[in-house]
Amino acid sequence: MPVKVYKPTSAGRRNSSVLDFSHLTKGARPEKSLTERLPKRAGRNAHGHITSRFRGGGAKKMYRKVDFRRDKDGVPGVVKTLEYDPNRTADIALIFYADGEKRYILAPKGMKVDDQVMSGEKCEPEVGNCMPLGTIPLGLSIHCVELQPGRGGQFARSAGNSCTLLARDGKHATIVMPSGETRKVPMSCRATIGEIGNSDWQNVRVGKAGRKRHMGRRPHNRGTSMNPVAHPMGGGEGRTGGGRHPVSPTGKLAKGGRTRSGKARSNQYILRRRTPGKHVAVGSGS
């Protein structure tokens, strides 16, 4: 899936790029039975309050119902098409099962049309197969990992991501997350073998502001450019550096400040935290 770089026919085209989609099935259309209308919320919650700033607009898109549970045990399926999904960075694969049912799954790296996939404890640990953590060989790369049995995959679902199954102890398996965090997960939870495909997605350069608007992203202005009533870092005469560590509009540290509750019950399952970046603010912890 190489990246195509545009010729500099204009300022917006210069250095911008796109994926050429040569790895996807040509002419494939979304399966109508597995799509539904996706209403726009523009970053607002059920009460109409903005909870994610700088969201809104964007192109219309239909939501593809992706099977994150992979609970069709013992029924073989064949990859019919590899398709683009506008709702996520990863590609998706349309699976035709032997009993006639169709489902979308996340497409792992190396999956091709006409490949066979299966779910359950008795299937082979091959790319695209979904198995409980208790039956997956140690050291394999996995994705779409469940946090609770039957809830569906929640970890490592974006393009190029994967976890590593490190060890098993008692009723829990130890996995290394893409962030570097090491945690325990019940062995009855499921995961899919392989690494998520479309890793070249991170090399695409947007190139111009209008393309961001097509993605539903509105202009993002700095806190220091606002008035003091609008942001803690606003105000001052002329351009200022802020005078404090960067914070959110509500005053929370924006660079390395901990937001996780110290009383979270799942803290006991985290064996090692991810390594913080060099940008962590002084006094925010490590």
C-alpha atoms as a PDB file:
ATOM      1  CA  MET A   1       0.000   0.000   0.000  1.00  0.00           C
ATOM      2  CA  PRO A   2       2.402   2.703  -1.225  1.00  0.00           C
ATOM      3  CA  VAL A   3       1.843   6.413  -0.661  1.00  0.00           C
ATOM      4  CA  LYS A   4       1.235   8.541  -3.744  1.00  0.00           C
ATOM      5  CA  VAL A   5       2.747  12.063  -3.662  1.00  0.00           C
ATOM      6  CA  TYR A   6       1.004  14.771  -5.697  1.00  0.00           C
ATOM      7  CA  LYS A   7       2.813  17.026  -8.148  1.00  0.00           C
ATOM      8  CA  PRO A   8       3.108  20.615  -6.805  1.00  0.00           C
ATOM      9  CA  THR A   9       0.466  22.096  -9.108  1.00  0.00           C
ATOM     10  CA  SER A  10      -0.634  24.440  -6.298  1.00  0.00           C
ATOM     11  CA  ALA A  11       0.387  25.415  -2.774  1.00  0.00           C
ATOM     12  CA  GLY A  12      -2.100  22.942  -1.327  1.00  0.00           C
ATOM     13  CA  ARG A  13      -0.902  20.083  -3.518  1.00  0.00           C
ATOM     14  CA  ARG A  14       2.785  20.632  -2.747  1.00  0.00           C
ATOM     15  CA  ASN A  15       4.070  17.821  -0.493  1.00  0.00           C
ATOM     16  CA  SER A  16       0.560  16.428   0.114  1.00  0.00           C
ATOM     17  CA  SER A  17      -0.006  12.707  -0.393  1.00  0.00           C
ATOM     18  CA  VAL A  18      -2.620   9.954  -0.337  1.00  0.00           C
ATOM     19  CA  LEU A  19      -2.735   6.171  -0.162  1.00  0.00           C
ATOM     20  CA  ASP A  20      -3.135   4.685  -3.634  1.00  0.00           C
ATOM     21  CA  PHE A  21      -5.504   1.933  -2.354  1.00  0.00           C
ATOM     22  CA  SER A  22      -3.881  -0.600  -4.649  1.00  0.00           C
ATOM     23  CA  HIS A  23      -4.133  -3.163  -1.840  1.00  0.00           C
ATOM     24  CA  LEU A  24      -7.949  -2.945  -1.763  1.00  0.00           C
ATOM     25  CA  THR A  25     -10.430  -4.836  -3.946  1.00  0.00           C
ATOM     26  CA  LYS A  26     -11.099  -2.774  -7.049  1.00  0.00           C
ATOM     27  CA  GLY A  27     -14.725  -1.753  -7.566  1.00  0.00           C
ATOM     28  CA  ALA A  28     -15.941  -3.156  -4.226  1.00  0.00           C
ATOM     29  CA  ARG A  29     -19.049  -1.490  -2.803  1.00  0.00           C
ATOM     30  CA  PRO A  30     -20.065  -1.550   0.889  1.00  0.00           C
ATOM     31  CA  GLU A  31     -22.372  -4.411   1.892  1.00  0.00           C
ATOM     32  CA  LYS A  32     -25.766  -2.722   2.368  1.00  0.00           C
ATOM     33  CA  SER A  33     -26.894  -5.126   5.080  1.00  0.00           C
ATOM     34  CA  LEU A  34     -23.839  -4.161   7.158  1.00  0.00           C
ATOM     35  CA  THR A  35     -24.080  -0.376   6.854  1.00  0.00           C
ATOM     36  CA  GLU A  36     -26.188   2.214   8.619  1.00  0.00           C
ATOM     37  CA  ARG A  37     -26.546   5.984   8.688  1.00  0.00           C
ATOM     38  CA  LEU A  38     -24.074   7.794  10.927  1.00  0.00           C
ATOM     39  CA  PRO A  39     -25.592  11.021  12.338  1.00  0.00           C
ATOM     40  CA  LYS A  40     -23.251  13.943  12.897  1.00  0.00           C
ATOM     41  CA  ARG A  41     -22.780  15.167  16.462  1.00  0.00           C
ATOM     42  CA  ALA A  42     -20.134  17.869  15.923  1.00  0.00           C
ATOM     43  CA  GLY A  43     -18.382  16.987  19.177  1.00  0.00           C
ATOM     44  CA  ARG A  44     -21.524  17.351  21.296  1.00  0.00           C
ATOM     45  CA  ASN A  45     -22.998  14.959  23.854  1.00  0.00           C
ATOM     46  CA  ALA A  46     -26.645  14.003  24.409  1.00  0.00           C
ATOM     47  CA  HIS A  47     -27.279  17.356  26.137  1.00  0.00           C
ATOM     48  CA  GLY A  48     -25.906  19.367  23.233  1.00  0.00           C
ATOM     49  CA  HIS A  49     -22.804  20.471  25.133  1.00  0.00           C
ATOM     50  CA  ILE A  50     -19.477  20.499  23.318  1.00  0.00           C
ATOM     51  CA  THR A  51     -17.255  17.805  24.832  1.00  0.00           C
ATOM     52  CA  SER A  52     -14.710  17.631  21.966  1.00  0.00           C
ATOM     53  CA  ARG A  53     -13.664  21.008  20.621  1.00  0.00           C
ATOM     54  CA  PHE A  54     -12.973  21.882  16.988  1.00  0.00           C
ATOM     55  CA  ARG A  55     -15.267  19.211  15.511  1.00  0.00           C
ATOM     56  CA  GLY A  56     -17.977  19.650  12.898  1.00  0.00           C
ATOM     57  CA  GLY A  57     -18.789  19.533   9.192  1.00  0.00           C
ATOM     58  CA  GLY A  58     -17.060  16.946   7.066  1.00  0.00           C
ATOM     59  CA  ALA A  59     -18.153  14.606   4.301  1.00  0.00           C
ATOM     60  CA  LYS A  60     -21.100  12.274   4.754  1.00  0.00           C
ATOM     61  CA  LYS A  61     -20.235   8.671   5.517  1.00  0.00           C
ATOM     62  CA  MET A  62     -22.023   5.436   6.290  1.00  0.00           C
ATOM     63  CA  TYR A  63     -21.030   3.378   9.308  1.00  0.00           C
ATOM     64  CA  ARG A  64     -19.814  -0.170   8.632  1.00  0.00           C
ATOM     65  CA  LYS A  65     -20.859  -2.675  11.309  1.00  0.00           C
ATOM     66  CA  VAL A  66     -17.589  -4.396  12.193  1.00  0.00           C
ATOM     67  CA  ASP A  67     -17.637  -7.694  14.072  1.00  0.00           C
ATOM     68  CA  PHE A  68     -15.391  -7.116  17.096  1.00  0.00           C
ATOM     69  CA  ARG A  69     -16.696 -10.133  19.033  1.00  0.00           C
ATOM     70  CA  ARG A  70     -15.796 -12.806  16.440  1.00  0.00           C
ATOM     71  CA  ASP A  71     -18.147 -15.305  18.090  1.00  0.00           C
ATOM     72  CA  LYS A  72     -18.923 -17.585  15.102  1.00  0.00           C
ATOM     73  CA  ASP A  73     -16.948 -20.530  16.477  1.00  0.00           C
ATOM     74  CA  GLY A  74     -16.112 -23.435  14.184  1.00  0.00           C
ATOM     75  CA  VAL A  75     -17.672 -21.858  11.073  1.00  0.00           C
ATOM     76  CA  PRO A  76     -15.107 -21.212   8.319  1.00  0.00           C
ATOM     77  CA  GLY A  77     -15.269 -17.971   6.414  1.00  0.00           C
ATOM     78  CA  VAL A  78     -13.715 -16.715   3.188  1.00  0.00           C
ATOM     79  CA  VAL A  79     -12.386 -13.196   2.595  1.00  0.00           C
ATOM     80  CA  LYS A  80     -14.454 -11.808  -0.262  1.00  0.00           C
ATOM     81  CA  THR A  81     -13.234  -8.198  -0.449  1.00  0.00           C
ATOM     82  CA  LEU A  82     -10.812  -5.801   1.235  1.00  0.00           C
ATOM     83  CA  GLU A  83     -12.431  -2.376   1.607  1.00  0.00           C
ATOM     84  CA  TYR A  84     -11.765   1.161   2.792  1.00  0.00           C
ATOM     85  CA  ASP A  85     -13.574   2.281   5.945  1.00  0.00           C
ATOM     86  CA  PRO A  86     -14.018   6.063   6.389  1.00  0.00           C
ATOM     87  CA  ASN A  87     -14.693   5.622  10.109  1.00  0.00           C
ATOM     88  CA  ARG A  88     -11.273   4.216  11.065  1.00  0.00           C
ATOM     89  CA  THR A  89      -7.635   4.146   9.990  1.00  0.00           C
ATOM     90  CA  ALA A  90      -7.626   0.369   9.463  1.00  0.00           C
ATOM     91  CA  ASP A  91      -9.044  -1.380   6.412  1.00  0.00           C
ATOM     92  CA  ILE A  92     -11.853  -3.913   6.726  1.00  0.00           C
ATOM     93  CA  ALA A  93     -12.478  -7.303   5.140  1.00  0.00           C
ATOM     94  CA  LEU A  94     -15.870  -8.693   4.121  1.00  0.00           C
ATOM     95  CA  ILE A  95     -16.200 -12.318   5.224  1.00  0.00           C
ATOM     96  CA  PHE A  96     -18.617 -14.822   3.671  1.00  0.00           C
ATOM     97  CA  TYR A  97     -19.238 -17.624   6.197  1.00  0.00           C
ATOM     98  CA  ALA A  98     -20.181 -21.173   5.234  1.00  0.00           C
ATOM     99  CA  ASP A  99     -23.671 -20.778   6.738  1.00  0.00           C
ATOM    100  CA  GLY A 100     -24.418 -17.810   4.462  1.00  0.00           C
ATOM    101  CA  GLU A 101     -23.834 -14.989   6.957  1.00  0.00           C
ATOM    102  CA  LYS A 102     -21.718 -11.962   6.040  1.00  0.00           C
ATOM    103  CA  ARG A 103     -19.612  -9.940   8.472  1.00  0.00           C
ATOM    104  CA  TYR A 104     -16.964  -7.257   8.409  1.00  0.00           C
ATOM    105  CA  ILE A 105     -13.724  -7.709  10.369  1.00  0.00           C
ATOM    106  CA  LEU A 106     -10.590  -5.602  10.726  1.00  0.00           C
ATOM    107  CA  ALA A 107      -8.129  -6.536   7.994  1.00  0.00           C
ATOM    108  CA  PRO A 108      -4.740  -7.665   9.398  1.00  0.00           C
ATOM    109  CA  LYS A 109      -1.443  -7.241   7.593  1.00  0.00           C
ATOM    110  CA  GLY A 110      -0.940  -9.897   4.922  1.00  0.00           C
ATOM    111  CA  MET A 111      -4.618 -10.830   4.489  1.00  0.00           C
ATOM    112  CA  LYS A 112      -5.675 -11.411   0.881  1.00  0.00           C
ATOM    113  CA  VAL A 113      -8.904 -12.129  -0.980  1.00  0.00           C
ATOM    114  CA  ASP A 114      -9.934 -15.813  -0.842  1.00  0.00           C
ATOM    115  CA  ASP A 115      -8.056 -16.384   2.435  1.00  0.00           C
ATOM    116  CA  GLN A 116      -9.909 -18.510   5.001  1.00  0.00           C
ATOM    117  CA  VAL A 117     -10.544 -17.359   8.566  1.00  0.00           C
ATOM    118  CA  MET A 118     -12.100 -19.025  11.602  1.00  0.00           C
ATOM    119  CA  SER A 119     -12.847 -18.359  15.247  1.00  0.00           C
ATOM    120  CA  GLY A 120     -12.742 -20.549  18.337  1.00  0.00           C
ATOM    121  CA  GLU A 121     -10.397 -22.584  20.509  1.00  0.00           C
ATOM    122  CA  LYS A 122      -9.697 -25.322  17.935  1.00  0.00           C
ATOM    123  CA  CYS A 123      -8.580 -23.182  14.988  1.00  0.00           C
ATOM    124  CA  GLU A 124      -4.959 -22.755  13.956  1.00  0.00           C
ATOM    125  CA  PRO A 125      -3.006 -19.667  15.111  1.00  0.00           C
ATOM    126  CA  GLU A 126      -2.890 -18.104  11.647  1.00  0.00           C
ATOM    127  CA  VAL A 127      -3.300 -14.494  10.566  1.00  0.00           C
ATOM    128  CA  GLY A 128      -6.943 -13.413  10.782  1.00  0.00           C
ATOM    129  CA  ASN A 129      -8.086 -16.237  13.082  1.00  0.00           C
ATOM    130  CA  CYS A 130      -9.621 -15.290  16.430  1.00  0.00           C
ATOM    131  CA  MET A 131      -8.781 -17.359  19.521  1.00  0.00           C
ATOM    132  CA  PRO A 132      -8.930 -17.100  23.327  1.00  0.00           C
ATOM    133  CA  LEU A 133      -5.697 -15.835  24.883  1.00  0.00           C
ATOM    134  CA  GLY A 134      -5.354 -19.165  26.688  1.00  0.00           C
ATOM    135  CA  THR A 135      -4.794 -21.038  23.399  1.00  0.00           C
ATOM    136  CA  ILE A 136      -2.629 -18.524  21.495  1.00  0.00           C
ATOM    137  CA  PRO A 137       1.109 -19.386  21.435  1.00  0.00           C
ATOM    138  CA  LEU A 138       3.289 -17.014  23.459  1.00  0.00           C
ATOM    139  CA  GLY A 139       5.209 -14.334  21.597  1.00  0.00           C
ATOM    140  CA  LEU A 140       2.699 -13.848  18.777  1.00  0.00           C
ATOM    141  CA  SER A 141       1.463 -10.429  17.669  1.00  0.00           C
ATOM    142  CA  ILE A 142      -2.256  -9.992  18.271  1.00  0.00           C
ATOM    143  CA  HIS A 143      -4.821  -7.266  17.735  1.00  0.00           C
ATOM    144  CA  CYS A 144      -8.454  -6.468  18.575  1.00  0.00           C
ATOM    145  CA  VAL A 145      -7.940  -7.739  22.140  1.00  0.00           C
ATOM    146  CA  GLU A 146     -10.869  -8.026  24.534  1.00  0.00           C
ATOM    147  CA  LEU A 147     -10.721  -6.463  27.978  1.00  0.00           C
ATOM    148  CA  GLN A 148     -13.636  -8.496  29.331  1.00  0.00           C
ATOM    149  CA  PRO A 149     -14.873 -11.842  27.935  1.00  0.00           C
ATOM    150  CA  GLY A 150     -17.642 -11.387  25.364  1.00  0.00           C
ATOM    151  CA  ARG A 151     -17.398  -7.619  25.268  1.00  0.00           C
ATOM    152  CA  GLY A 152     -15.582  -7.457  21.931  1.00  0.00           C
ATOM    153  CA  GLY A 153     -12.116  -6.292  20.971  1.00  0.00           C
ATOM    154  CA  GLN A 154     -11.076  -2.934  22.432  1.00  0.00           C
ATOM    155  CA  PHE A 155      -7.256  -2.840  22.248  1.00  0.00           C
ATOM    156  CA  ALA A 156      -5.010  -2.455  19.177  1.00  0.00           C
ATOM    157  CA  ARG A 157      -7.659  -1.632  16.568  1.00  0.00           C
ATOM    158  CA  SER A 158      -6.003   1.182  14.584  1.00  0.00           C
ATOM    159  CA  ALA A 159      -3.752   0.935  11.541  1.00  0.00           C
ATOM    160  CA  GLY A 160      -0.361  -0.682  12.141  1.00  0.00           C
ATOM    161  CA  ASN A 161      -1.010  -1.491  15.814  1.00  0.00           C
ATOM    162  CA  SER A 162      -0.594  -4.808  17.622  1.00  0.00           C
ATOM    163  CA  CYS A 163      -0.061  -6.249  21.095  1.00  0.00           C
ATOM    164  CA  THR A 164       2.360  -8.995  22.101  1.00  0.00           C
ATOM    165  CA  LEU A 165       1.279 -11.992  24.185  1.00  0.00           C
ATOM    166  CA  LEU A 166       4.044 -12.186  26.783  1.00  0.00           C
ATOM    167  CA  ALA A 167       3.104 -14.805  29.398  1.00  0.00           C
ATOM    168  CA  ARG A 168       0.323 -16.685  31.163  1.00  0.00           C
ATOM    169  CA  ASP A 169      -0.121 -16.981  34.918  1.00  0.00           C
ATOM    170  CA  GLY A 170      -3.160 -18.493  36.609  1.00  0.00           C
ATOM    171  CA  LYS A 171      -6.343 -17.104  35.093  1.00  0.00           C
ATOM    172  CA  HIS A 172      -4.668 -14.155  33.382  1.00  0.00           C
ATOM    173  CA  ALA A 173      -2.448 -13.563  30.378  1.00  0.00           C
ATOM    174  CA  THR A 174       0.158 -10.796  30.268  1.00  0.00           C
ATOM    175  CA  ILE A 175       0.211  -8.639  27.148  1.00  0.00           C
ATOM    176  CA  VAL A 176       2.326  -5.681  26.072  1.00  0.00           C
ATOM    177  CA  MET A 177       0.210  -2.841  24.682  1.00  0.00           C
ATOM    178  CA  PRO A 178       1.217  -0.693  21.682  1.00  0.00           C
ATOM    179  CA  SER A 179       2.004   2.149  24.124  1.00  0.00           C
ATOM    180  CA  GLY A 180       4.483  -0.039  26.017  1.00  0.00           C
ATOM    181  CA  GLU A 181       2.149  -0.624  28.959  1.00  0.00           C
ATOM    182  CA  THR A 182       2.155  -4.182  30.341  1.00  0.00           C
ATOM    183  CA  ARG A 183      -1.108  -5.462  31.790  1.00  0.00           C
ATOM    184  CA  LYS A 184      -3.002  -8.617  32.700  1.00  0.00           C
ATOM    185  CA  VAL A 185      -6.104  -9.729  30.804  1.00  0.00           C
ATOM    186  CA  PRO A 186      -8.349 -12.752  31.554  1.00  0.00           C
ATOM    187  CA  MET A 187      -7.320 -15.758  29.461  1.00  0.00           C
ATOM    188  CA  SER A 188     -10.899 -16.311  28.325  1.00  0.00           C
ATOM    189  CA  CYS A 189     -10.750 -12.998  26.435  1.00  0.00           C
ATOM    190  CA  ARG A 190     -10.305 -13.257  22.685  1.00  0.00           C
ATOM    191  CA  ALA A 191      -7.796 -11.724  20.308  1.00  0.00           C
ATOM    192  CA  THR A 192      -7.096 -11.946  16.589  1.00  0.00           C
ATOM    193  CA  ILE A 193      -3.760 -13.198  15.287  1.00  0.00           C
ATOM    194  CA  GLY A 194      -1.558 -10.727  13.419  1.00  0.00           C
ATOM    195  CA  GLU A 195      -0.941  -7.018  13.141  1.00  0.00           C
ATOM    196  CA  ILE A 196      -3.461  -4.498  11.825  1.00  0.00           C
ATOM    197  CA  GLY A 197      -2.709  -3.580   8.214  1.00  0.00           C
ATOM    198  CA  ASN A 198      -2.578  -0.215   6.429  1.00  0.00           C
ATOM    199  CA  SER A 199       0.502   0.869   8.416  1.00  0.00           C
ATOM    200  CA  ASP A 200       1.412   3.430   5.713  1.00  0.00           C
ATOM    201  CA  TRP A 201      -1.534   5.514   6.856  1.00  0.00           C
ATOM    202  CA  GLN A 202       0.779   7.397   9.240  1.00  0.00           C
ATOM    203  CA  ASN A 203       2.958   8.575   6.332  1.00  0.00           C
ATOM    204  CA  VAL A 204       0.171  10.480   4.566  1.00  0.00           C
ATOM    205  CA  ARG A 205       0.528  14.276   4.592  1.00  0.00           C
ATOM    206  CA  VAL A 206      -2.765  16.169   4.540  1.00  0.00           C
ATOM    207  CA  GLY A 207      -1.275  19.189   2.774  1.00  0.00           C
ATOM    208  CA  LYS A 208      -4.014  21.799   3.200  1.00  0.00           C
ATOM    209  CA  ALA A 209      -6.620  22.996   5.679  1.00  0.00           C
ATOM    210  CA  GLY A 210      -9.560  22.234   3.391  1.00  0.00           C
ATOM    211  CA  ARG A 211      -8.746  18.547   3.438  1.00  0.00           C
ATOM    212  CA  LYS A 212      -8.949  18.622   7.232  1.00  0.00           C
ATOM    213  CA  ARG A 213     -12.411  20.186   6.970  1.00  0.00           C
ATOM    214  CA  HIS A 214     -13.493  17.235   4.808  1.00  0.00           C
ATOM    215  CA  MET A 215     -12.460  15.011   7.746  1.00  0.00           C
ATOM    216  CA  GLY A 216     -14.741  16.919  10.111  1.00  0.00           C
ATOM    217  CA  ARG A 217     -11.968  18.908  11.814  1.00  0.00           C
ATOM    218  CA  ARG A 218     -12.566  22.632  12.337  1.00  0.00           C
ATOM    219  CA  PRO A 219      -9.755  25.189  12.845  1.00  0.00           C
ATOM    220  CA  HIS A 220      -7.834  24.650  16.083  1.00  0.00           C
ATOM    221  CA  ASN A 221      -6.772  27.921  17.701  1.00  0.00           C
ATOM    222  CA  ARG A 222      -4.259  28.246  20.526  1.00  0.00           C
ATOM    223  CA  GLY A 223      -5.189  29.049  24.106  1.00  0.00           C
ATOM    224  CA  THR A 224      -2.703  31.942  24.180  1.00  0.00           C
ATOM    225  CA  SER A 225      -4.578  33.620  21.323  1.00  0.00           C
ATOM    226  CA  MET A 226      -7.844  33.708  23.312  1.00  0.00           C
ATOM    227  CA  ASN A 227      -9.189  36.124  25.880  1.00  0.00           C
ATOM    228  CA  PRO A 228      -8.663  35.412  29.607  1.00  0.00           C
ATOM    229  CA  VAL A 229     -12.361  34.597  30.012  1.00  0.00           C
ATOM    230  CA  ALA A 230     -12.129  31.877  27.348  1.00  0.00           C
ATOM    231  CA  HIS A 231      -8.913  30.100  28.354  1.00  0.00           C
ATOM    232  CA  PRO A 232      -6.542  30.030  31.362  1.00  0.00           C
ATOM    233  CA  MET A 233      -3.609  30.861  29.062  1.00  0.00           C
ATOM    234  CA  GLY A 234      -5.338  33.742  27.291  1.00  0.00           C
ATOM    235  CA  GLY A 235      -4.793  37.478  27.603  1.00  0.00           C
ATOM    236  CA  GLY A 236      -1.654  39.577  27.838  1.00  0.00           C
ATOM    237  CA  GLU A 237      -0.256  42.356  25.702  1.00  0.00           C
ATOM    238  CA  GLY A 238       0.704  41.089  22.265  1.00  0.00           C
ATOM    239  CA  ARG A 239       1.933  37.553  21.732  1.00  0.00           C
ATOM    240  CA  THR A 240       2.872  35.826  24.969  1.00  0.00           C
ATOM    241  CA  GLY A 241       4.396  32.461  25.821  1.00  0.00           C
ATOM    242  CA  GLY A 242       1.663  31.699  28.325  1.00  0.00           C
ATOM    243  CA  GLY A 243       3.795  31.948  31.437  1.00  0.00           C
ATOM    244  CA  ARG A 244       2.829  28.499  32.731  1.00  0.00           C
ATOM    245  CA  HIS A 245       2.818  24.885  31.706  1.00  0.00           C
ATOM    246  CA  PRO A 246       0.251  24.251  28.944  1.00  0.00           C
ATOM    247  CA  VAL A 247      -3.199  23.461  30.315  1.00  0.00           C
ATOM    248  CA  SER A 248      -6.636  22.635  28.957  1.00  0.00           C
ATOM    249  CA  PRO A 249      -9.520  25.141  29.009  1.00  0.00           C
ATOM    250  CA  THR A 250     -10.490  23.695  32.398  1.00  0.00           C
ATOM    251  CA  GLY A 251      -6.982  24.061  33.837  1.00  0.00           C
ATOM    252  CA  LYS A 252      -5.757  20.457  33.614  1.00  0.00           C
ATOM    253  CA  LEU A 253      -2.143  19.883  32.573  1.00  0.00           C
ATOM    254  CA  ALA A 254      -1.997  19.207  28.837  1.00  0.00           C
ATOM    255  CA  LYS A 255       1.470  17.631  28.717  1.00  0.00           C
ATOM    256  CA  GLY A 256       1.913  14.556  30.875  1.00  0.00           C
ATOM    257  CA  GLY A 257      -0.602  15.359  33.592  1.00  0.00           C
ATOM    258  CA  ARG A 258      -2.264  12.233  34.962  1.00  0.00           C
ATOM    259  CA  THR A 259      -5.999  12.004  34.309  1.00  0.00           C
ATOM    260  CA  ARG A 260      -6.597   8.410  35.453  1.00  0.00           C
ATOM    261  CA  SER A 261      -8.335   7.914  38.790  1.00  0.00           C
ATOM    262  CA  GLY A 262      -6.087   6.457  41.480  1.00  0.00           C
ATOM    263  CA  LYS A 263      -9.045   4.429  42.749  1.00  0.00           C
ATOM    264  CA  ALA A 264      -9.770   2.652  39.452  1.00  0.00           C
ATOM    265  CA  ARG A 265     -10.355  -1.045  40.105  1.00  0.00           C
ATOM    266  CA  SER A 266      -8.400  -2.043  37.028  1.00  0.00           C
ATOM    267  CA  ASN A 267      -5.163  -0.539  38.394  1.00  0.00           C
ATOM    268  CA  GLN A 268      -4.337  -3.937  39.877  1.00  0.00           C
ATOM    269  CA  TYR A 269      -4.118  -5.408  36.349  1.00  0.00           C
ATOM    270  CA  ILE A 270      -1.547  -2.876  35.118  1.00  0.00           C
ATOM    271  CA  LEU A 271       1.898  -4.311  35.773  1.00  0.00           C
ATOM    272  CA  ARG A 272       3.934  -1.527  34.170  1.00  0.00           C
ATOM    273  CA  ARG A 273       2.819   1.903  32.975  1.00  0.00           C
ATOM    274  CA  ARG A 274       3.750   3.236  29.593  1.00  0.00           C
ATOM    275  CA  THR A 275       6.910   5.335  29.503  1.00  0.00           C
ATOM    276  CA  PRO A 276       5.998   9.056  29.505  1.00  0.00           C
ATOM    277  CA  GLY A 277       7.435  11.260  26.782  1.00  0.00           C
ATOM    278  CA  LYS A 278      10.091  13.937  27.166  1.00  0.00           C
ATOM    279  CA  HIS A 279       7.384  16.610  27.214  1.00  0.00           C
ATOM    280  CA  VAL A 280       6.057  15.630  30.691  1.00  0.00           C
ATOM    281  CA  ALA A 281       5.591  18.740  32.795  1.00  0.00           C
ATOM    282  CA  VAL A 282       7.656  19.140  35.966  1.00  0.00           C
ATOM    283  CA  GLY A 283       5.889  17.723  38.996  1.00  0.00           C
ATOM    284  CA  SER A 284       3.265  15.797  36.978  1.00  0.00           C
ATOM    285  CA  GLY A 285       4.751  12.391  37.831  1.00  0.00           C
ATOM    286  CA  SER A 286       6.406   9.755  35.662  1.00  0.00           C
END
